[in-house]
Amino acid sequence: MKSIKDILPWEERPVGCKDVMWRYSKNPIIDRYHIPTSNSIFNSAVVPFEDGFAGVFRCDNKAVQMNIFAGFSKDGINWEINHEPIKFEAGNTEMIESEYKYDPRVTWIEDR
């Protein structure tokens, strides 16, 4: 398996840029039309996964209803995002049904 340093997309600091952090010059890498029904897509949760990356994305449809979708990429730039939202199931407690699904996070937990 490649190390994350081998696959992490990186772009050198633009000439003359004095910012601590800079954005990828070809942003956005995922546009609002990546899923046929979407009005907007927010990519706030991407992690190294197998030989590439996995992400969880908030995608608002054209009625501005929020849902969470899974996506995968080999290079962190070109993404395949599922067209069906993630289905959540209740565990030991009742889940609260909510129309608001936003700001997803993904956390690595040992080997799971």
N, C-alpha and C. Protein backbone atom coordinates (compact mmCIF):
# COMPACT_ATOMS: atom_id res chain seq x y z
N MET A 1 0.84 -1.18 0.00
CA MET A 1 0.00 0.00 0.00
C MET A 1 0.89 1.25 0.00
N LYS A 2 0.51 2.23 -0.80
CA LYS A 2 1.26 3.49 -0.84
C LYS A 2 1.05 4.25 0.46
N SER A 3 2.03 5.06 0.81
CA SER A 3 1.85 5.91 1.99
C SER A 3 1.02 7.12 1.59
N ILE A 4 0.41 7.75 2.56
CA ILE A 4 -0.42 8.92 2.29
C ILE A 4 0.38 10.03 1.63
N LYS A 5 1.65 10.15 1.97
CA LYS A 5 2.50 11.18 1.35
C LYS A 5 2.67 10.94 -0.15
N ASP A 6 2.60 9.65 -0.56
CA ASP A 6 2.74 9.33 -1.97
C ASP A 6 1.50 9.67 -2.79
N ILE A 7 0.33 9.69 -2.16
CA ILE A 7 -0.90 9.91 -2.92
C ILE A 7 -1.59 11.23 -2.63
N LEU A 8 -1.16 11.95 -1.60
CA LEU A 8 -1.80 13.21 -1.24
C LEU A 8 -1.60 14.24 -2.35
N PRO A 9 -2.70 14.78 -2.90
CA PRO A 9 -2.52 15.82 -3.92
C PRO A 9 -1.88 17.06 -3.32
N TRP A 10 -0.95 17.63 -4.02
CA TRP A 10 -0.24 18.78 -3.49
C TRP A 10 0.07 19.75 -4.61
N GLU A 11 -0.06 21.01 -4.32
CA GLU A 11 0.31 22.05 -5.27
C GLU A 11 1.19 23.05 -4.53
N GLU A 12 2.33 23.36 -5.10
CA GLU A 12 3.25 24.30 -4.46
C GLU A 12 2.61 25.67 -4.27
N ARG A 13 3.12 26.39 -3.31
CA ARG A 13 2.64 27.75 -3.03
C ARG A 13 2.78 28.60 -4.30
N PRO A 14 1.72 29.31 -4.69
CA PRO A 14 1.82 30.17 -5.87
C PRO A 14 2.89 31.25 -5.68
N VAL A 15 3.54 31.62 -6.75
CA VAL A 15 4.58 32.65 -6.71
C VAL A 15 3.98 33.94 -6.13
N GLY A 16 4.67 34.52 -5.16
CA GLY A 16 4.23 35.76 -4.55
C GLY A 16 3.21 35.61 -3.44
N CYS A 17 2.71 34.39 -3.22
CA CYS A 17 1.72 34.15 -2.17
C CYS A 17 2.41 34.14 -0.81
N LYS A 18 1.91 34.93 0.12
CA LYS A 18 2.48 34.98 1.46
C LYS A 18 1.54 34.37 2.50
N ASP A 19 0.42 33.80 2.04
CA ASP A 19 -0.55 33.18 2.95
C ASP A 19 0.03 31.94 3.61
N VAL A 20 -0.41 31.66 4.83
CA VAL A 20 0.00 30.45 5.53
C VAL A 20 -0.52 29.22 4.80
N MET A 21 -1.76 29.31 4.32
CA MET A 21 -2.38 28.22 3.55
C MET A 21 -2.88 28.80 2.24
N TRP A 22 -2.92 27.97 1.20
CA TRP A 22 -3.43 28.42 -0.08
C TRP A 22 -4.33 27.34 -0.65
N ARG A 23 -5.22 27.76 -1.52
CA ARG A 23 -6.18 26.85 -2.11
C ARG A 23 -5.65 26.29 -3.43
N TYR A 24 -6.14 25.12 -3.77
CA TYR A 24 -5.83 24.50 -5.05
C TYR A 24 -6.28 25.43 -6.17
N SER A 25 -5.44 25.66 -7.15
CA SER A 25 -5.74 26.65 -8.19
C SER A 25 -6.89 26.25 -9.11
N LYS A 26 -7.26 24.97 -9.11
CA LYS A 26 -8.35 24.52 -9.99
C LYS A 26 -9.63 24.24 -9.20
N ASN A 27 -9.77 24.86 -8.02
CA ASN A 27 -11.01 24.71 -7.25
C ASN A 27 -12.17 25.28 -8.05
N PRO A 28 -13.37 24.77 -7.88
CA PRO A 28 -13.68 23.63 -7.02
C PRO A 28 -13.40 22.32 -7.75
N ILE A 29 -12.92 21.33 -7.03
CA ILE A 29 -12.67 20.03 -7.65
C ILE A 29 -13.97 19.24 -7.77
N ILE A 30 -14.94 19.55 -6.93
CA ILE A 30 -16.27 18.93 -7.02
C ILE A 30 -17.25 20.08 -7.22
N ASP A 31 -17.87 20.12 -8.39
CA ASP A 31 -18.80 21.23 -8.62
C ASP A 31 -20.23 20.84 -8.26
N ARG A 32 -21.12 21.79 -8.29
CA ARG A 32 -22.50 21.58 -7.85
C ARG A 32 -23.27 20.60 -8.71
N TYR A 33 -22.80 20.30 -9.92
CA TYR A 33 -23.51 19.39 -10.82
C TYR A 33 -22.93 17.98 -10.81
N HIS A 34 -22.07 17.67 -9.85
CA HIS A 34 -21.43 16.35 -9.79
C HIS A 34 -22.46 15.24 -9.62
N ILE A 35 -23.55 15.53 -8.94
CA ILE A 35 -24.69 14.62 -8.82
C ILE A 35 -25.83 15.29 -9.58
N PRO A 36 -26.54 14.57 -10.45
CA PRO A 36 -27.56 15.21 -11.28
C PRO A 36 -28.63 15.99 -10.51
N THR A 37 -28.96 15.59 -9.30
CA THR A 37 -30.03 16.25 -8.55
C THR A 37 -29.53 17.36 -7.64
N SER A 38 -28.22 17.62 -7.61
CA SER A 38 -27.69 18.55 -6.61
C SER A 38 -27.77 20.02 -7.03
N ASN A 39 -27.93 20.85 -6.02
CA ASN A 39 -27.88 22.30 -6.15
C ASN A 39 -26.53 22.81 -5.65
N SER A 40 -25.97 22.10 -4.66
CA SER A 40 -24.67 22.46 -4.10
C SER A 40 -24.08 21.26 -3.39
N ILE A 41 -22.74 21.21 -3.33
CA ILE A 41 -22.04 20.10 -2.69
C ILE A 41 -20.94 20.68 -1.80
N PHE A 42 -20.86 20.16 -0.58
CA PHE A 42 -19.86 20.62 0.39
C PHE A 42 -18.99 19.44 0.78
N ASN A 43 -17.68 19.56 0.64
CA ASN A 43 -16.76 18.45 0.90
C ASN A 43 -15.95 18.72 2.17
N SER A 44 -16.55 18.40 3.30
CA SER A 44 -15.88 18.71 4.57
C SER A 44 -15.24 17.51 5.25
N ALA A 45 -15.35 16.33 4.66
CA ALA A 45 -14.85 15.14 5.36
C ALA A 45 -14.19 14.18 4.38
N VAL A 46 -12.87 14.28 4.24
CA VAL A 46 -12.12 13.39 3.36
C VAL A 46 -10.97 12.79 4.15
N VAL A 47 -10.78 11.47 4.00
CA VAL A 47 -9.72 10.76 4.71
C VAL A 47 -9.02 9.79 3.76
N PRO A 48 -7.75 9.44 4.05
CA PRO A 48 -7.09 8.38 3.29
C PRO A 48 -7.86 7.08 3.49
N PHE A 49 -8.02 6.31 2.40
CA PHE A 49 -8.76 5.05 2.47
C PHE A 49 -8.22 4.11 1.41
N GLU A 50 -7.76 2.93 1.85
CA GLU A 50 -7.16 1.94 0.96
C GLU A 50 -6.10 2.61 0.10
N ASP A 51 -6.20 2.54 -1.23
CA ASP A 51 -5.19 3.16 -2.10
C ASP A 51 -5.60 4.54 -2.60
N GLY A 52 -6.47 5.21 -1.88
CA GLY A 52 -6.94 6.53 -2.31
C GLY A 52 -7.57 7.27 -1.15
N PHE A 53 -8.77 7.79 -1.39
CA PHE A 53 -9.47 8.60 -0.40
C PHE A 53 -10.95 8.24 -0.37
N ALA A 54 -11.56 8.44 0.79
CA ALA A 54 -13.01 8.32 0.95
C ALA A 54 -13.50 9.65 1.51
N GLY A 55 -14.70 10.00 1.13
CA GLY A 55 -15.26 11.26 1.62
C GLY A 55 -16.73 11.13 1.92
N VAL A 56 -17.20 12.01 2.78
CA VAL A 56 -18.62 12.13 3.07
C VAL A 56 -18.98 13.57 2.74
N PHE A 57 -19.99 13.74 1.91
CA PHE A 57 -20.32 15.04 1.36
C PHE A 57 -21.76 15.42 1.64
N ARG A 58 -21.97 16.66 2.03
CA ARG A 58 -23.34 17.17 2.12
C ARG A 58 -23.71 17.67 0.74
N CYS A 59 -24.80 17.15 0.22
CA CYS A 59 -25.30 17.57 -1.08
C CYS A 59 -26.73 18.06 -0.92
N ASP A 60 -26.96 19.30 -1.24
CA ASP A 60 -28.32 19.85 -1.21
C ASP A 60 -28.93 19.65 -2.59
N ASN A 61 -30.18 19.16 -2.62
CA ASN A 61 -30.83 18.99 -3.91
C ASN A 61 -31.43 20.31 -4.38
N LYS A 62 -32.11 20.28 -5.51
CA LYS A 62 -32.63 21.53 -6.08
C LYS A 62 -33.77 22.13 -5.26
N ALA A 63 -34.34 21.35 -4.33
CA ALA A 63 -35.34 21.88 -3.39
C ALA A 63 -34.65 22.32 -2.09
N VAL A 64 -33.32 22.33 -2.09
CA VAL A 64 -32.46 22.71 -0.97
C VAL A 64 -32.69 21.81 0.25
N GLN A 65 -32.96 20.53 -0.01
CA GLN A 65 -33.02 19.53 1.06
C GLN A 65 -31.62 18.95 1.20
N MET A 66 -31.16 18.82 2.45
CA MET A 66 -29.80 18.36 2.72
C MET A 66 -29.76 16.84 2.87
N ASN A 67 -28.73 16.22 2.28
CA ASN A 67 -28.46 14.81 2.49
C ASN A 67 -26.96 14.59 2.50
N ILE A 68 -26.55 13.43 3.01
CA ILE A 68 -25.14 13.08 3.13
C ILE A 68 -24.86 11.92 2.16
N PHE A 69 -23.79 12.06 1.36
CA PHE A 69 -23.44 11.08 0.35
C PHE A 69 -22.00 10.62 0.54
N ALA A 70 -21.72 9.37 0.17
CA ALA A 70 -20.36 8.83 0.22
C ALA A 70 -19.71 8.98 -1.15
N GLY A 71 -18.39 9.18 -1.14
CA GLY A 71 -17.65 9.27 -2.39
C GLY A 71 -16.25 8.70 -2.23
N PHE A 72 -15.63 8.34 -3.36
CA PHE A 72 -14.30 7.73 -3.35
C PHE A 72 -13.46 8.31 -4.49
N SER A 73 -12.16 8.38 -4.25
CA SER A 73 -11.23 8.92 -5.25
C SER A 73 -9.89 8.22 -5.11
N LYS A 74 -9.26 7.94 -6.24
CA LYS A 74 -7.91 7.36 -6.22
C LYS A 74 -6.86 8.45 -6.00
N ASP A 75 -7.14 9.68 -6.46
CA ASP A 75 -6.11 10.73 -6.42
C ASP A 75 -6.48 11.96 -5.59
N GLY A 76 -7.68 12.00 -5.01
CA GLY A 76 -8.10 13.15 -4.22
C GLY A 76 -8.60 14.31 -5.06
N ILE A 77 -8.56 14.17 -6.36
CA ILE A 77 -9.01 15.23 -7.28
C ILE A 77 -10.25 14.79 -8.05
N ASN A 78 -10.21 13.59 -8.59
CA ASN A 78 -11.32 13.05 -9.39
C ASN A 78 -12.17 12.14 -8.52
N TRP A 79 -13.42 12.51 -8.32
CA TRP A 79 -14.30 11.83 -7.36
C TRP A 79 -15.46 11.12 -8.02
N GLU A 80 -15.80 9.96 -7.46
CA GLU A 80 -17.02 9.23 -7.79
C GLU A 80 -17.89 9.35 -6.55
N ILE A 81 -18.98 10.09 -6.64
CA ILE A 81 -19.88 10.28 -5.51
C ILE A 81 -21.17 9.51 -5.78
N ASN A 82 -21.56 8.68 -4.80
CA ASN A 82 -22.79 7.91 -4.95
C ASN A 82 -23.96 8.85 -5.19
N HIS A 83 -24.91 8.42 -6.02
CA HIS A 83 -26.08 9.24 -6.30
C HIS A 83 -27.20 9.02 -5.29
N GLU A 84 -27.06 8.02 -4.44
CA GLU A 84 -28.05 7.77 -3.38
C GLU A 84 -27.45 8.18 -2.05
N PRO A 85 -28.22 8.87 -1.20
CA PRO A 85 -27.69 9.30 0.09
C PRO A 85 -27.42 8.13 1.03
N ILE A 86 -26.56 8.36 2.01
CA ILE A 86 -26.30 7.37 3.06
C ILE A 86 -27.58 7.19 3.86
N LYS A 87 -27.95 5.95 4.11
CA LYS A 87 -29.13 5.64 4.93
C LYS A 87 -28.66 5.36 6.35
N PHE A 88 -29.18 6.10 7.31
CA PHE A 88 -28.81 5.93 8.70
C PHE A 88 -29.80 5.00 9.38
N GLU A 89 -29.28 4.12 10.25
CA GLU A 89 -30.13 3.20 11.00
C GLU A 89 -29.92 3.44 12.48
N ALA A 90 -31.02 3.32 13.23
CA ALA A 90 -30.93 3.50 14.69
C ALA A 90 -30.19 2.33 15.31
N GLY A 91 -29.40 2.60 16.34
CA GLY A 91 -28.70 1.56 17.08
C GLY A 91 -29.52 1.18 18.30
N ASN A 92 -28.95 1.32 19.48
CA ASN A 92 -29.64 0.97 20.72
C ASN A 92 -30.66 2.02 21.15
N THR A 93 -30.60 3.18 20.54
CA THR A 93 -31.54 4.24 20.89
C THR A 93 -32.26 4.70 19.64
N GLU A 94 -33.35 5.39 19.85
CA GLU A 94 -34.09 5.94 18.72
C GLU A 94 -33.32 7.12 18.14
N MET A 95 -33.13 7.09 16.84
CA MET A 95 -32.50 8.24 16.19
C MET A 95 -33.56 9.31 15.98
N ILE A 96 -33.16 10.52 16.11
CA ILE A 96 -34.08 11.62 15.86
C ILE A 96 -34.13 11.83 14.35
N GLU A 97 -35.33 11.78 13.79
CA GLU A 97 -35.50 12.05 12.37
C GLU A 97 -35.28 13.54 12.14
N SER A 98 -34.43 13.87 11.20
CA SER A 98 -34.11 15.28 10.97
C SER A 98 -33.97 15.55 9.48
N GLU A 99 -34.48 16.66 9.05
CA GLU A 99 -34.31 17.10 7.67
C GLU A 99 -32.95 17.77 7.48
N TYR A 100 -32.28 18.08 8.58
CA TYR A 100 -31.01 18.81 8.51
C TYR A 100 -29.84 17.85 8.66
N LYS A 101 -29.13 17.64 7.59
CA LYS A 101 -27.95 16.78 7.60
C LYS A 101 -26.82 17.61 7.01
N TYR A 102 -25.89 18.02 7.85
CA TYR A 102 -24.83 18.89 7.36
C TYR A 102 -23.56 18.73 8.18
N ASP A 103 -22.48 19.25 7.63
CA ASP A 103 -21.18 19.27 8.30
C ASP A 103 -20.72 17.88 8.74
N PRO A 104 -20.67 16.90 7.82
CA PRO A 104 -20.25 15.55 8.20
C PRO A 104 -18.77 15.50 8.58
N ARG A 105 -18.43 14.55 9.41
CA ARG A 105 -17.04 14.31 9.81
C ARG A 105 -16.75 12.81 9.69
N VAL A 106 -15.50 12.48 9.39
CA VAL A 106 -15.06 11.10 9.32
C VAL A 106 -13.83 10.98 10.20
N THR A 107 -13.79 9.95 11.02
CA THR A 107 -12.67 9.75 11.94
C THR A 107 -12.15 8.32 11.81
N TRP A 108 -10.84 8.18 11.72
CA TRP A 108 -10.21 6.87 11.69
C TRP A 108 -10.21 6.30 13.10
N ILE A 109 -10.69 5.06 13.25
CA ILE A 109 -10.70 4.39 14.55
C ILE A 109 -9.97 3.07 14.37
N GLU A 110 -8.72 3.04 14.77
CA GLU A 110 -7.86 1.85 14.68
C GLU A 110 -8.00 1.19 13.32
N ASP A 111 -8.33 -0.10 13.28
CA ASP A 111 -8.40 -0.82 12.01
C ASP A 111 -9.83 -0.99 11.49
N ARG A 112 -10.75 -0.16 11.93
CA ARG A 112 -12.14 -0.32 11.49
C ARG A 112 -12.46 0.59 10.34
